[in-house]
Amino acid sequence: RPSGDPDIDAEIAAMVRRASPFPPPPAGAPHVFSASVNFKLE
């Protein structure tokens, strides 16, 4: 779900790309990834 701020959304997408590659999920497991991200803007 987008944050509503395009710069924050772009950084979150970049964080996920930098964290990859992810190992493949076990057979039959759903392909869902969920994470909470907190930013402190100063």
N, C-alpha and C. Protein backbone atom coordinates (compact mmCIF):
# COMPACT_ATOMS: atom_id res chain seq x y z
N ARG A 1 0.86 -1.16 0.00
CA ARG A 1 0.00 0.00 0.00
C ARG A 1 0.91 1.22 0.00
N PRO A 2 0.69 2.16 -0.87
CA PRO A 2 1.55 3.34 -0.96
C PRO A 2 1.42 4.24 0.26
N SER A 3 2.49 4.98 0.53
CA SER A 3 2.50 5.89 1.67
C SER A 3 1.80 7.20 1.35
N GLY A 4 1.69 7.51 0.07
CA GLY A 4 1.16 8.81 -0.33
C GLY A 4 2.26 9.80 -0.67
N ASP A 5 3.51 9.43 -0.38
CA ASP A 5 4.66 10.29 -0.71
C ASP A 5 5.50 9.55 -1.74
N PRO A 6 5.60 10.07 -2.96
CA PRO A 6 6.32 9.34 -4.01
C PRO A 6 7.79 9.09 -3.68
N ASP A 7 8.45 10.01 -2.96
CA ASP A 7 9.85 9.80 -2.61
C ASP A 7 10.01 8.64 -1.63
N ILE A 8 9.13 8.57 -0.63
CA ILE A 8 9.19 7.47 0.33
C ILE A 8 8.87 6.15 -0.36
N ASP A 9 7.85 6.15 -1.20
CA ASP A 9 7.49 4.92 -1.93
C ASP A 9 8.66 4.43 -2.79
N ALA A 10 9.36 5.35 -3.45
CA ALA A 10 10.50 4.97 -4.29
C ALA A 10 11.63 4.39 -3.44
N GLU A 11 11.87 4.98 -2.27
CA GLU A 11 12.94 4.46 -1.41
C GLU A 11 12.60 3.08 -0.86
N ILE A 12 11.34 2.85 -0.52
CA ILE A 12 10.94 1.53 -0.04
C ILE A 12 11.13 0.49 -1.14
N ALA A 13 10.74 0.83 -2.37
CA ALA A 13 10.95 -0.10 -3.49
C ALA A 13 12.44 -0.37 -3.69
N ALA A 14 13.28 0.66 -3.55
CA ALA A 14 14.73 0.48 -3.69
C ALA A 14 15.28 -0.40 -2.57
N MET A 15 14.76 -0.25 -1.36
CA MET A 15 15.20 -1.09 -0.24
C MET A 15 14.93 -2.56 -0.53
N VAL A 16 13.77 -2.85 -1.08
CA VAL A 16 13.43 -4.24 -1.40
C VAL A 16 14.36 -4.77 -2.48
N ARG A 17 14.64 -3.96 -3.51
CA ARG A 17 15.56 -4.40 -4.56
C ARG A 17 16.96 -4.66 -4.00
N ARG A 18 17.44 -3.81 -3.08
CA ARG A 18 18.77 -4.01 -2.50
C ARG A 18 18.82 -5.26 -1.62
N ALA A 19 17.70 -5.64 -1.05
CA ALA A 19 17.66 -6.82 -0.16
C ALA A 19 17.59 -8.12 -0.95
N SER A 20 17.28 -8.07 -2.23
CA SER A 20 17.16 -9.28 -3.01
C SER A 20 18.54 -9.75 -3.46
N PRO A 21 18.72 -10.98 -3.89
CA PRO A 21 17.67 -11.94 -4.17
C PRO A 21 17.20 -12.65 -2.91
N PHE A 22 15.94 -12.92 -2.89
CA PHE A 22 15.34 -13.68 -1.79
C PHE A 22 15.37 -15.15 -2.16
N PRO A 23 15.51 -16.03 -1.17
CA PRO A 23 15.44 -17.45 -1.49
C PRO A 23 14.03 -17.81 -1.95
N PRO A 24 13.91 -18.83 -2.77
CA PRO A 24 12.58 -19.22 -3.23
C PRO A 24 11.73 -19.71 -2.05
N PRO A 25 10.43 -19.43 -2.09
CA PRO A 25 9.56 -19.93 -1.02
C PRO A 25 9.42 -21.45 -1.11
N PRO A 26 9.07 -22.09 -0.01
CA PRO A 26 8.83 -23.54 -0.07
C PRO A 26 7.70 -23.86 -1.05
N ALA A 27 7.76 -25.04 -1.62
CA ALA A 27 6.73 -25.47 -2.57
C ALA A 27 5.36 -25.36 -1.93
N GLY A 28 4.43 -24.77 -2.65
CA GLY A 28 3.06 -24.65 -2.18
C GLY A 28 2.81 -23.44 -1.28
N ALA A 29 3.86 -22.72 -0.92
CA ALA A 29 3.68 -21.54 -0.06
C ALA A 29 3.17 -20.37 -0.90
N PRO A 30 2.35 -19.51 -0.30
CA PRO A 30 1.87 -18.34 -1.06
C PRO A 30 3.04 -17.38 -1.34
N HIS A 31 2.96 -16.68 -2.45
CA HIS A 31 3.99 -15.71 -2.82
C HIS A 31 3.59 -14.33 -2.31
N VAL A 32 3.65 -14.15 -1.02
CA VAL A 32 3.29 -12.87 -0.40
C VAL A 32 4.45 -12.42 0.46
N PHE A 33 4.80 -11.16 0.34
CA PHE A 33 5.86 -10.58 1.16
C PHE A 33 5.29 -9.36 1.85
N SER A 34 5.48 -9.29 3.14
CA SER A 34 4.96 -8.17 3.92
C SER A 34 6.03 -7.68 4.87
N ALA A 35 6.19 -6.36 4.96
CA ALA A 35 7.18 -5.79 5.88
C ALA A 35 6.71 -4.41 6.31
N SER A 36 7.01 -4.06 7.53
CA SER A 36 6.73 -2.72 8.02
C SER A 36 8.00 -1.90 7.89
N VAL A 37 7.86 -0.68 7.43
CA VAL A 37 9.00 0.22 7.28
C VAL A 37 8.65 1.53 7.98
N ASN A 38 9.56 1.98 8.84
CA ASN A 38 9.37 3.25 9.54
C ASN A 38 10.46 4.22 9.12
N PHE A 39 10.06 5.44 8.82
CA PHE A 39 11.00 6.49 8.47
C PHE A 39 10.91 7.60 9.50
N LYS A 40 12.04 8.18 9.81
CA LYS A 40 12.07 9.37 10.66
C LYS A 40 12.52 10.52 9.77
N LEU A 41 11.61 11.42 9.47
CA LEU A 41 11.92 12.55 8.60
C LEU A 41 12.33 13.73 9.46
N GLU A 42 13.46 14.30 9.13
CA GLU A 42 13.95 15.46 9.88
C GLU A 42 14.08 16.65 8.97
